[in-house]
Amino acid sequence: MAQKVGELVAKKGAILLCGGQGGIMEAAAKGAKESHGHTIGVLPGKIDNSNPYIDKPILTGLEDARNYINIKVSDAVIAFEGGAGTLSEIALALKNDRPLVYAGAWRFLNGHGLSKHEVPFATDPKEIVRLAFEGLNRDIDIDSDGYTRKQVDYPPLPSQHSEREAIRQFVGCVSRESIDLPVVNS
């Protein structure tokens, strides 16, 4: 499922950002790369142990604190099954009002007052990506093959643009020209 989600994120023209290591992170990055997308891995240590599908590994040395960067740089968050690190990203996404989709897990968190609204849950990759982009209030239309049928313009969100730009430039993760591309954390 993660690989297909990565593929669909890339086909939407978004940058896939993840923790950069193995498992679900590697599967999502593989899907994005195989669809000619861009990938960023925000790694916990100072050693590049990124998976082979990461274009830009960011060696933070921050351990779990890197999750703050992951969320602040992301325009939308897709939470696959995982452990405490994923749970911390969910909490940060809710706290920072980032669009969030529970992908095949975490639905049990709904209904406990963690969010003003129920977080969408899906198991189908097309539905997961649709919900993530819908959370951005983007005009999307995905055909049966997962491709966007019309060109979608992604303007920066005024209240978040300068903050995201500062963080992105700090970690050096993307060029100035790509700062306005949407970033989806999976």
N, C-alpha and C. Protein backbone atom coordinates (compact mmCIF):
# COMPACT_ATOMS: atom_id res chain seq x y z
N MET A 1 0.82 -1.19 0.00
CA MET A 1 0.00 0.00 0.00
C MET A 1 0.87 1.26 0.00
N ALA A 2 1.94 1.29 0.80
CA ALA A 2 2.80 2.48 0.89
C ALA A 2 3.46 2.78 -0.45
N GLN A 3 3.87 1.75 -1.17
CA GLN A 3 4.52 1.96 -2.47
C GLN A 3 3.55 2.60 -3.46
N LYS A 4 2.32 2.14 -3.48
CA LYS A 4 1.32 2.71 -4.38
C LYS A 4 1.00 4.15 -3.99
N VAL A 5 0.93 4.43 -2.68
CA VAL A 5 0.70 5.80 -2.23
C VAL A 5 1.85 6.70 -2.68
N GLY A 6 3.09 6.24 -2.53
CA GLY A 6 4.24 7.01 -2.99
C GLY A 6 4.16 7.30 -4.48
N GLU A 7 3.75 6.31 -5.25
CA GLU A 7 3.59 6.48 -6.70
C GLU A 7 2.56 7.56 -7.00
N LEU A 8 1.42 7.52 -6.32
CA LEU A 8 0.35 8.48 -6.58
C LEU A 8 0.72 9.89 -6.12
N VAL A 9 1.45 9.99 -5.03
CA VAL A 9 1.93 11.30 -4.57
C VAL A 9 2.83 11.92 -5.63
N ALA A 10 3.73 11.11 -6.19
CA ALA A 10 4.63 11.60 -7.24
C ALA A 10 3.85 12.01 -8.49
N LYS A 11 2.86 11.24 -8.87
CA LYS A 11 2.06 11.57 -10.04
C LYS A 11 1.27 12.86 -9.84
N LYS A 12 1.02 13.22 -8.60
CA LYS A 12 0.33 14.48 -8.31
C LYS A 12 1.30 15.66 -8.36
N GLY A 13 2.59 15.37 -8.52
CA GLY A 13 3.58 16.43 -8.59
C GLY A 13 4.10 16.90 -7.25
N ALA A 14 3.82 16.16 -6.20
CA ALA A 14 4.28 16.54 -4.86
C ALA A 14 5.62 15.88 -4.53
N ILE A 15 6.31 16.44 -3.60
CA ILE A 15 7.55 15.86 -3.07
C ILE A 15 7.17 14.90 -1.95
N LEU A 16 7.75 13.71 -1.96
CA LEU A 16 7.51 12.75 -0.88
C LEU A 16 8.60 12.92 0.17
N LEU A 17 8.21 13.22 1.39
CA LEU A 17 9.13 13.35 2.50
C LEU A 17 8.83 12.25 3.49
N CYS A 18 9.88 11.59 3.98
CA CYS A 18 9.69 10.54 4.98
C CYS A 18 10.93 10.47 5.86
N GLY A 19 10.95 9.50 6.76
CA GLY A 19 12.09 9.32 7.65
C GLY A 19 13.32 8.77 6.95
N GLY A 20 13.16 8.36 5.69
CA GLY A 20 14.30 8.00 4.86
C GLY A 20 14.90 6.63 5.06
N GLN A 21 14.38 5.86 5.99
CA GLN A 21 14.98 4.56 6.26
C GLN A 21 14.17 3.44 5.63
N GLY A 22 14.15 2.25 6.22
CA GLY A 22 13.52 1.08 5.62
C GLY A 22 12.04 0.95 5.89
N GLY A 23 11.50 -0.21 5.57
CA GLY A 23 10.10 -0.52 5.83
C GLY A 23 9.15 0.31 5.00
N ILE A 24 8.14 0.86 5.67
CA ILE A 24 7.12 1.66 5.00
C ILE A 24 7.74 2.88 4.33
N MET A 25 8.74 3.48 4.99
CA MET A 25 9.39 4.67 4.42
C MET A 25 10.05 4.32 3.09
N GLU A 26 10.71 3.18 3.03
CA GLU A 26 11.37 2.77 1.80
C GLU A 26 10.36 2.43 0.71
N ALA A 27 9.27 1.77 1.10
CA ALA A 27 8.24 1.41 0.12
C ALA A 27 7.62 2.66 -0.51
N ALA A 28 7.30 3.66 0.32
CA ALA A 28 6.71 4.90 -0.20
C ALA A 28 7.70 5.62 -1.12
N ALA A 29 8.95 5.70 -0.69
CA ALA A 29 9.98 6.37 -1.51
C ALA A 29 10.20 5.62 -2.83
N LYS A 30 10.17 4.30 -2.79
CA LYS A 30 10.33 3.50 -4.01
C LYS A 30 9.20 3.81 -5.00
N GLY A 31 7.97 3.86 -4.50
CA GLY A 31 6.84 4.18 -5.37
C GLY A 31 6.99 5.55 -6.01
N ALA A 32 7.44 6.52 -5.21
CA ALA A 32 7.63 7.87 -5.74
C ALA A 32 8.73 7.90 -6.79
N LYS A 33 9.86 7.27 -6.52
CA LYS A 33 10.99 7.27 -7.46
C LYS A 33 10.64 6.56 -8.75
N GLU A 34 9.95 5.44 -8.66
CA GLU A 34 9.57 4.70 -9.86
C GLU A 34 8.58 5.48 -10.72
N SER A 35 7.96 6.51 -10.14
CA SER A 35 7.06 7.38 -10.90
C SER A 35 7.73 8.73 -11.18
N HIS A 36 9.07 8.74 -11.10
CA HIS A 36 9.88 9.92 -11.42
C HIS A 36 9.62 11.10 -10.49
N GLY A 37 9.25 10.81 -9.24
CA GLY A 37 9.02 11.85 -8.26
C GLY A 37 10.28 12.19 -7.49
N HIS A 38 10.17 13.19 -6.63
CA HIS A 38 11.28 13.63 -5.79
C HIS A 38 11.06 13.16 -4.37
N THR A 39 12.14 12.72 -3.71
CA THR A 39 12.03 12.20 -2.35
C THR A 39 13.06 12.85 -1.44
N ILE A 40 12.64 13.08 -0.20
CA ILE A 40 13.50 13.62 0.84
C ILE A 40 13.41 12.68 2.04
N GLY A 41 14.54 12.34 2.61
CA GLY A 41 14.57 11.53 3.82
C GLY A 41 15.18 12.34 4.96
N VAL A 42 14.40 12.57 6.00
CA VAL A 42 14.88 13.31 7.18
C VAL A 42 15.32 12.26 8.19
N LEU A 43 16.63 12.07 8.27
CA LEU A 43 17.21 10.98 9.05
C LEU A 43 17.52 11.41 10.48
N PRO A 44 17.43 10.46 11.42
CA PRO A 44 17.62 10.80 12.83
C PRO A 44 19.07 11.08 13.23
N GLY A 45 20.02 10.45 12.58
CA GLY A 45 21.41 10.57 13.00
C GLY A 45 22.25 11.41 12.07
N LYS A 46 23.56 11.25 12.24
CA LYS A 46 24.52 11.99 11.41
C LYS A 46 25.19 11.08 10.37
N ILE A 47 24.69 9.85 10.28
CA ILE A 47 25.20 8.88 9.31
C ILE A 47 24.13 8.66 8.25
N ASP A 48 24.54 8.68 6.98
CA ASP A 48 23.59 8.48 5.89
C ASP A 48 23.29 6.99 5.75
N ASN A 49 22.20 6.56 6.39
CA ASN A 49 21.72 5.18 6.23
C ASN A 49 20.36 5.20 5.53
N SER A 50 20.22 6.14 4.59
CA SER A 50 18.96 6.27 3.87
C SER A 50 18.77 5.10 2.91
N ASN A 51 17.52 4.87 2.57
CA ASN A 51 17.22 3.81 1.61
C ASN A 51 17.62 4.30 0.21
N PRO A 52 17.76 3.39 -0.75
CA PRO A 52 18.28 3.76 -2.08
C PRO A 52 17.34 4.64 -2.91
N TYR A 53 16.13 4.91 -2.42
CA TYR A 53 15.16 5.69 -3.20
C TYR A 53 15.08 7.14 -2.73
N ILE A 54 15.94 7.54 -1.83
CA ILE A 54 15.94 8.90 -1.30
C ILE A 54 16.87 9.77 -2.15
N ASP A 55 16.32 10.86 -2.70
CA ASP A 55 17.13 11.81 -3.49
C ASP A 55 17.99 12.68 -2.60
N LYS A 56 17.38 13.18 -1.54
CA LYS A 56 18.06 14.13 -0.67
C LYS A 56 17.97 13.65 0.77
N PRO A 57 19.02 13.00 1.27
CA PRO A 57 19.01 12.62 2.69
C PRO A 57 19.42 13.83 3.54
N ILE A 58 18.66 14.10 4.59
CA ILE A 58 18.96 15.18 5.51
C ILE A 58 19.43 14.53 6.81
N LEU A 59 20.71 14.69 7.12
CA LEU A 59 21.30 14.10 8.32
C LEU A 59 21.14 15.10 9.45
N THR A 60 20.16 14.89 10.33
CA THR A 60 19.82 15.91 11.32
C THR A 60 20.60 15.78 12.62
N GLY A 61 20.92 14.56 13.03
CA GLY A 61 21.51 14.37 14.35
C GLY A 61 20.52 14.67 15.47
N LEU A 62 19.24 14.80 15.13
CA LEU A 62 18.21 15.19 16.11
C LEU A 62 17.45 14.01 16.70
N GLU A 63 17.73 12.80 16.23
CA GLU A 63 16.98 11.61 16.67
C GLU A 63 15.48 11.85 16.48
N ASP A 64 14.68 11.62 17.52
CA ASP A 64 13.22 11.75 17.38
C ASP A 64 12.74 13.19 17.18
N ALA A 65 13.55 14.16 17.54
CA ALA A 65 13.16 15.56 17.36
C ALA A 65 13.02 15.92 15.88
N ARG A 66 13.55 15.09 15.00
CA ARG A 66 13.41 15.34 13.56
C ARG A 66 11.95 15.32 13.13
N ASN A 67 11.10 14.66 13.92
CA ASN A 67 9.68 14.59 13.56
C ASN A 67 9.05 15.98 13.50
N TYR A 68 9.56 16.90 14.29
CA TYR A 68 9.08 18.28 14.24
C TYR A 68 9.35 18.88 12.86
N ILE A 69 10.56 18.66 12.35
CA ILE A 69 10.90 19.15 11.01
C ILE A 69 10.00 18.48 9.98
N ASN A 70 9.83 17.16 10.09
CA ASN A 70 8.99 16.43 9.14
C ASN A 70 7.60 17.06 9.01
N ILE A 71 7.01 17.40 10.13
CA ILE A 71 5.65 17.94 10.11
C ILE A 71 5.62 19.40 9.68
N LYS A 72 6.52 20.22 10.18
CA LYS A 72 6.51 21.64 9.85
C LYS A 72 6.79 21.89 8.36
N VAL A 73 7.55 21.01 7.73
CA VAL A 73 7.85 21.17 6.31
C VAL A 73 6.74 20.60 5.43
N SER A 74 5.95 19.69 5.97
CA SER A 74 4.94 18.99 5.18
C SER A 74 3.65 19.80 5.03
N ASP A 75 3.04 19.66 3.86
CA ASP A 75 1.74 20.27 3.61
C ASP A 75 0.61 19.32 3.98
N ALA A 76 0.87 18.03 3.97
CA ALA A 76 -0.10 17.01 4.36
C ALA A 76 0.66 15.83 4.93
N VAL A 77 -0.01 15.05 5.79
CA VAL A 77 0.63 13.92 6.45
C VAL A 77 -0.23 12.68 6.25
N ILE A 78 0.43 11.59 5.85
CA ILE A 78 -0.23 10.30 5.73
C ILE A 78 0.41 9.39 6.76
N ALA A 79 -0.38 8.90 7.70
CA ALA A 79 0.14 8.07 8.79
C ALA A 79 -0.18 6.60 8.55
N PHE A 80 0.85 5.86 8.15
CA PHE A 80 0.73 4.41 8.01
C PHE A 80 0.92 3.78 9.39
N GLU A 81 0.71 2.47 9.46
CA GLU A 81 0.97 1.79 10.73
C GLU A 81 2.41 2.04 11.15
N GLY A 82 2.64 2.07 12.43
CA GLY A 82 3.98 2.34 12.92
C GLY A 82 4.00 2.32 14.43
N GLY A 83 5.03 2.90 14.98
CA GLY A 83 5.20 2.90 16.43
C GLY A 83 5.11 4.28 17.02
N ALA A 84 5.88 4.50 18.08
CA ALA A 84 5.83 5.76 18.81
C ALA A 84 6.27 6.94 17.96
N GLY A 85 7.21 6.73 17.03
CA GLY A 85 7.64 7.81 16.15
C GLY A 85 6.51 8.30 15.26
N THR A 86 5.75 7.37 14.71
CA THR A 86 4.60 7.73 13.89
C THR A 86 3.54 8.42 14.75
N LEU A 87 3.35 7.91 15.96
CA LEU A 87 2.38 8.51 16.86
C LEU A 87 2.78 9.96 17.20
N SER A 88 4.07 10.21 17.37
CA SER A 88 4.50 11.58 17.64
C SER A 88 4.26 12.48 16.44
N GLU A 89 4.44 11.95 15.23
CA GLU A 89 4.14 12.74 14.03
C GLU A 89 2.65 13.04 13.93
N ILE A 90 1.82 12.08 14.31
CA ILE A 90 0.37 12.30 14.32
C ILE A 90 0.04 13.44 15.28
N ALA A 91 0.60 13.39 16.48
CA ALA A 91 0.34 14.44 17.47
C ALA A 91 0.80 15.79 16.97
N LEU A 92 1.98 15.85 16.36
CA LEU A 92 2.48 17.12 15.83
C LEU A 92 1.63 17.62 14.66
N ALA A 93 1.16 16.70 13.81
CA ALA A 93 0.29 17.10 12.70
C ALA A 93 -1.01 17.70 13.23
N LEU A 94 -1.59 17.07 14.25
CA LEU A 94 -2.82 17.59 14.84
C LEU A 94 -2.57 18.95 15.49
N LYS A 95 -1.47 19.04 16.25
CA LYS A 95 -1.15 20.29 16.95
C LYS A 95 -0.87 21.44 15.98
N ASN A 96 -0.26 21.12 14.83
CA ASN A 96 0.10 22.13 13.84
C ASN A 96 -0.92 22.26 12.72
N ASP A 97 -2.07 21.62 12.90
CA ASP A 97 -3.19 21.73 11.97
C ASP A 97 -2.82 21.37 10.53
N ARG A 98 -2.03 20.31 10.38
CA ARG A 98 -1.70 19.80 9.05
C ARG A 98 -2.77 18.79 8.63
N PRO A 99 -3.17 18.80 7.36
CA PRO A 99 -4.08 17.76 6.89
C PRO A 99 -3.47 16.38 7.16
N LEU A 100 -4.25 15.48 7.71
CA LEU A 100 -3.77 14.17 8.15
C LEU A 100 -4.73 13.10 7.68
N VAL A 101 -4.18 11.99 7.22
CA VAL A 101 -4.97 10.83 6.83
C VAL A 101 -4.39 9.62 7.52
N TYR A 102 -5.25 8.84 8.17
CA TYR A 102 -4.83 7.56 8.74
C TYR A 102 -4.91 6.52 7.63
N ALA A 103 -3.78 5.90 7.31
CA ALA A 103 -3.71 4.94 6.20
C ALA A 103 -3.63 3.52 6.75
N GLY A 104 -4.78 2.90 6.90
CA GLY A 104 -4.83 1.51 7.32
C GLY A 104 -4.60 1.28 8.79
N ALA A 105 -4.37 2.31 9.56
CA ALA A 105 -4.13 2.17 11.00
C ALA A 105 -4.51 3.48 11.69
N TRP A 106 -4.48 3.48 12.99
CA TRP A 106 -4.65 4.66 13.84
C TRP A 106 -6.09 5.15 13.97
N ARG A 107 -7.03 4.52 13.32
CA ARG A 107 -8.42 4.98 13.38
C ARG A 107 -8.93 5.03 14.81
N PHE A 108 -8.40 4.18 15.68
CA PHE A 108 -8.84 4.15 17.07
C PHE A 108 -8.59 5.46 17.81
N LEU A 109 -7.74 6.34 17.26
CA LEU A 109 -7.47 7.64 17.89
C LEU A 109 -8.64 8.61 17.73
N ASN A 110 -9.49 8.37 16.73
CA ASN A 110 -10.65 9.25 16.53
C ASN A 110 -11.61 9.12 17.71
N GLY A 111 -12.29 10.20 18.03
CA GLY A 111 -13.30 10.17 19.08
C GLY A 111 -12.77 10.33 20.49
N HIS A 112 -11.52 10.74 20.64
CA HIS A 112 -10.95 10.93 21.97
C HIS A 112 -10.56 12.37 22.25
N GLY A 113 -11.08 13.31 21.46
CA GLY A 113 -10.84 14.72 21.68
C GLY A 113 -9.46 15.21 21.26
N LEU A 114 -8.73 14.43 20.47
CA LEU A 114 -7.41 14.86 20.03
C LEU A 114 -7.48 15.88 18.91
N SER A 115 -8.59 15.90 18.19
CA SER A 115 -8.73 16.77 17.04
C SER A 115 -10.12 17.39 17.06
N LYS A 116 -10.24 18.54 16.41
CA LYS A 116 -11.54 19.20 16.31
C LYS A 116 -12.51 18.40 15.45
N HIS A 117 -11.96 17.55 14.59
CA HIS A 117 -12.78 16.77 13.68
C HIS A 117 -12.19 15.36 13.58
N GLU A 118 -12.97 14.45 13.06
CA GLU A 118 -12.48 13.09 12.87
C GLU A 118 -11.46 13.08 11.73
N VAL A 119 -10.34 12.44 11.99
CA VAL A 119 -9.30 12.33 10.96
C VAL A 119 -9.74 11.27 9.96
N PRO A 120 -9.68 11.55 8.66
CA PRO A 120 -10.10 10.56 7.67
C PRO A 120 -9.24 9.30 7.72
N PHE A 121 -9.88 8.19 7.46
CA PHE A 121 -9.22 6.87 7.46
C PHE A 121 -9.51 6.21 6.13
N ALA A 122 -8.49 5.58 5.54
CA ALA A 122 -8.69 4.85 4.28
C ALA A 122 -7.66 3.74 4.17
N THR A 123 -7.98 2.75 3.37
CA THR A 123 -7.05 1.65 3.10
C THR A 123 -6.69 1.56 1.61
N ASP A 124 -7.46 2.21 0.77
CA ASP A 124 -7.19 2.21 -0.67
C ASP A 124 -6.21 3.34 -0.99
N PRO A 125 -5.08 3.05 -1.66
CA PRO A 125 -4.10 4.09 -1.96
C PRO A 125 -4.66 5.32 -2.66
N LYS A 126 -5.54 5.12 -3.65
CA LYS A 126 -6.12 6.27 -4.36
C LYS A 126 -6.93 7.14 -3.40
N GLU A 127 -7.67 6.50 -2.51
CA GLU A 127 -8.48 7.24 -1.55
C GLU A 127 -7.60 7.96 -0.53
N ILE A 128 -6.52 7.33 -0.11
CA ILE A 128 -5.59 7.95 0.83
C ILE A 128 -5.02 9.24 0.24
N VAL A 129 -4.54 9.16 -0.99
CA VAL A 129 -3.94 10.33 -1.64
C VAL A 129 -5.01 11.38 -1.93
N ARG A 130 -6.18 10.95 -2.35
CA ARG A 130 -7.27 11.90 -2.59
C ARG A 130 -7.59 12.68 -1.31
N LEU A 131 -7.68 11.97 -0.20
CA LEU A 131 -8.00 12.62 1.07
C LEU A 131 -6.89 13.58 1.51
N ALA A 132 -5.65 13.19 1.29
CA ALA A 132 -4.52 14.06 1.66
C ALA A 132 -4.58 15.37 0.88
N PHE A 133 -4.81 15.29 -0.42
CA PHE A 133 -4.88 16.50 -1.24
C PHE A 133 -6.17 17.26 -1.00
N GLU A 134 -7.24 16.55 -0.71
CA GLU A 134 -8.49 17.23 -0.37
C GLU A 134 -8.30 18.07 0.90
N GLY A 135 -7.50 17.57 1.81
CA GLY A 135 -7.20 18.32 3.02
C GLY A 135 -6.49 19.62 2.75
N LEU A 136 -5.86 19.73 1.61
CA LEU A 136 -5.20 20.97 1.21
C LEU A 136 -6.15 21.90 0.46
N ASN A 137 -7.40 21.46 0.33
CA ASN A 137 -8.40 22.22 -0.44
C ASN A 137 -7.95 22.44 -1.87
N ARG A 138 -7.34 21.42 -2.44
CA ARG A 138 -6.87 21.49 -3.81
C ARG A 138 -7.94 20.92 -4.73
N ASP A 139 -7.99 21.44 -5.92
CA ASP A 139 -8.90 20.94 -6.94
C ASP A 139 -8.23 19.73 -7.60
N ILE A 140 -8.67 18.53 -7.24
CA ILE A 140 -8.04 17.34 -7.77
C ILE A 140 -9.06 16.49 -8.52
N ASP A 141 -8.56 15.73 -9.44
CA ASP A 141 -9.40 14.82 -10.21
C ASP A 141 -8.50 13.69 -10.68
N ILE A 142 -8.55 12.54 -10.00
CA ILE A 142 -7.67 11.43 -10.31
C ILE A 142 -8.43 10.41 -11.15
N ASP A 143 -7.85 10.02 -12.31
CA ASP A 143 -8.52 9.04 -13.15
C ASP A 143 -8.26 7.63 -12.63
N SER A 144 -8.74 6.63 -13.34
CA SER A 144 -8.65 5.24 -12.87
C SER A 144 -7.22 4.73 -12.78
N ASP A 145 -6.28 5.38 -13.47
CA ASP A 145 -4.87 4.99 -13.38
C ASP A 145 -4.12 5.78 -12.33
N GLY A 146 -4.81 6.69 -11.64
CA GLY A 146 -4.17 7.47 -10.59
C GLY A 146 -3.53 8.76 -11.06
N TYR A 147 -3.73 9.14 -12.31
CA TYR A 147 -3.15 10.38 -12.83
C TYR A 147 -4.14 11.54 -12.68
N THR A 148 -3.61 12.71 -12.43
CA THR A 148 -4.43 13.91 -12.38
C THR A 148 -4.85 14.24 -13.80
N ARG A 149 -6.14 14.50 -14.00
CA ARG A 149 -6.66 14.77 -15.33
C ARG A 149 -6.43 16.19 -15.80
N LYS A 150 -6.21 17.10 -14.90
CA LYS A 150 -5.95 18.47 -15.31
C LYS A 150 -4.82 19.04 -14.47
N GLN A 151 -4.19 20.06 -15.01
CA GLN A 151 -3.08 20.70 -14.32
C GLN A 151 -3.59 21.35 -13.03
N VAL A 152 -2.89 21.12 -11.94
CA VAL A 152 -3.27 21.68 -10.66
C VAL A 152 -2.22 22.69 -10.23
N ASP A 153 -2.64 23.89 -9.88
CA ASP A 153 -1.74 24.94 -9.41
C ASP A 153 -1.69 24.88 -7.89
N TYR A 154 -0.51 24.88 -7.30
CA TYR A 154 -0.34 24.77 -5.86
C TYR A 154 0.24 26.07 -5.29
N PRO A 155 -0.61 27.06 -5.03
CA PRO A 155 -0.08 28.30 -4.46
C PRO A 155 0.32 28.08 -3.01
N PRO A 156 1.29 28.84 -2.51
CA PRO A 156 1.68 28.70 -1.11
C PRO A 156 0.54 29.18 -0.21
N LEU A 157 0.43 28.57 0.95
CA LEU A 157 -0.54 29.02 1.93
C LEU A 157 0.09 30.20 2.67
N PRO A 158 -0.50 31.38 2.60
CA PRO A 158 0.15 32.58 3.13
C PRO A 158 0.59 32.47 4.58
N SER A 159 -0.22 31.86 5.44
CA SER A 159 0.12 31.80 6.86
C SER A 159 1.25 30.84 7.15
N GLN A 160 1.53 29.93 6.24
CA GLN A 160 2.56 28.92 6.49
C GLN A 160 3.77 29.06 5.60
N HIS A 161 3.67 29.83 4.53
CA HIS A 161 4.72 29.86 3.53
C HIS A 161 6.07 30.28 4.09
N SER A 162 6.14 31.40 4.80
CA SER A 162 7.45 31.88 5.27
C SER A 162 8.06 30.93 6.30
N GLU A 163 7.23 30.34 7.14
CA GLU A 163 7.73 29.38 8.13
C GLU A 163 8.30 28.14 7.44
N ARG A 164 7.56 27.58 6.47
CA ARG A 164 8.04 26.41 5.74
C ARG A 164 9.30 26.74 4.95
N GLU A 165 9.33 27.91 4.32
CA GLU A 165 10.49 28.29 3.53
C GLU A 165 11.73 28.37 4.43
N ALA A 166 11.60 28.96 5.60
CA ALA A 166 12.73 29.09 6.51
C ALA A 166 13.23 27.72 6.96
N ILE A 167 12.32 26.83 7.28
CA ILE A 167 12.72 25.48 7.72
C ILE A 167 13.36 24.72 6.56
N ARG A 168 12.76 24.80 5.38
CA ARG A 168 13.31 24.09 4.22
C ARG A 168 14.70 24.61 3.87
N GLN A 169 14.90 25.91 3.93
CA GLN A 169 16.22 26.45 3.63
C GLN A 169 17.22 26.07 4.71
N PHE A 170 16.76 26.02 5.96
CA PHE A 170 17.63 25.63 7.06
C PHE A 170 18.18 24.22 6.86
N VAL A 171 17.30 23.28 6.52
CA VAL A 171 17.76 21.90 6.33
C VAL A 171 18.32 21.68 4.93
N GLY A 172 18.18 22.67 4.05
CA GLY A 172 18.76 22.56 2.70
C GLY A 172 18.15 21.46 1.88
N CYS A 173 16.86 21.19 2.10
CA CYS A 173 16.28 20.01 1.49
C CYS A 173 15.81 20.19 0.06
N VAL A 174 15.51 21.39 -0.35
CA VAL A 174 15.05 21.58 -1.72
C VAL A 174 15.61 22.88 -2.26
N SER A 175 15.63 22.99 -3.56
CA SER A 175 16.11 24.23 -4.17
C SER A 175 15.07 25.32 -4.03
N ARG A 176 15.47 26.53 -4.21
CA ARG A 176 14.57 27.69 -4.11
C ARG A 176 13.40 27.55 -5.08
N GLU A 177 13.65 26.98 -6.25
CA GLU A 177 12.61 26.87 -7.27
C GLU A 177 11.51 25.91 -6.86
N SER A 178 11.79 24.93 -6.01
CA SER A 178 10.78 23.92 -5.67
C SER A 178 10.13 24.15 -4.32
N ILE A 179 10.39 25.27 -3.68
CA ILE A 179 9.82 25.52 -2.37
C ILE A 179 8.30 25.51 -2.38
N ASP A 180 7.69 25.93 -3.46
CA ASP A 180 6.23 25.99 -3.51
C ASP A 180 5.56 24.70 -3.94
N LEU A 181 6.32 23.64 -4.22
CA LEU A 181 5.71 22.35 -4.50
C LEU A 181 5.16 21.79 -3.20
N PRO A 182 4.01 21.10 -3.25
CA PRO A 182 3.49 20.52 -2.03
C PRO A 182 4.39 19.39 -1.54
N VAL A 183 4.48 19.23 -0.24
CA VAL A 183 5.27 18.18 0.38
C VAL A 183 4.33 17.27 1.15
N VAL A 184 4.36 15.98 0.85
CA VAL A 184 3.51 15.02 1.54
C VAL A 184 4.40 14.08 2.35
N ASN A 185 4.15 14.03 3.63
CA ASN A 185 4.90 13.18 4.55
C ASN A 185 4.20 11.84 4.64
N SER A 186 4.92 10.77 4.40
CA SER A 186 4.32 9.44 4.55
C SER A 186 5.23 8.57 5.37
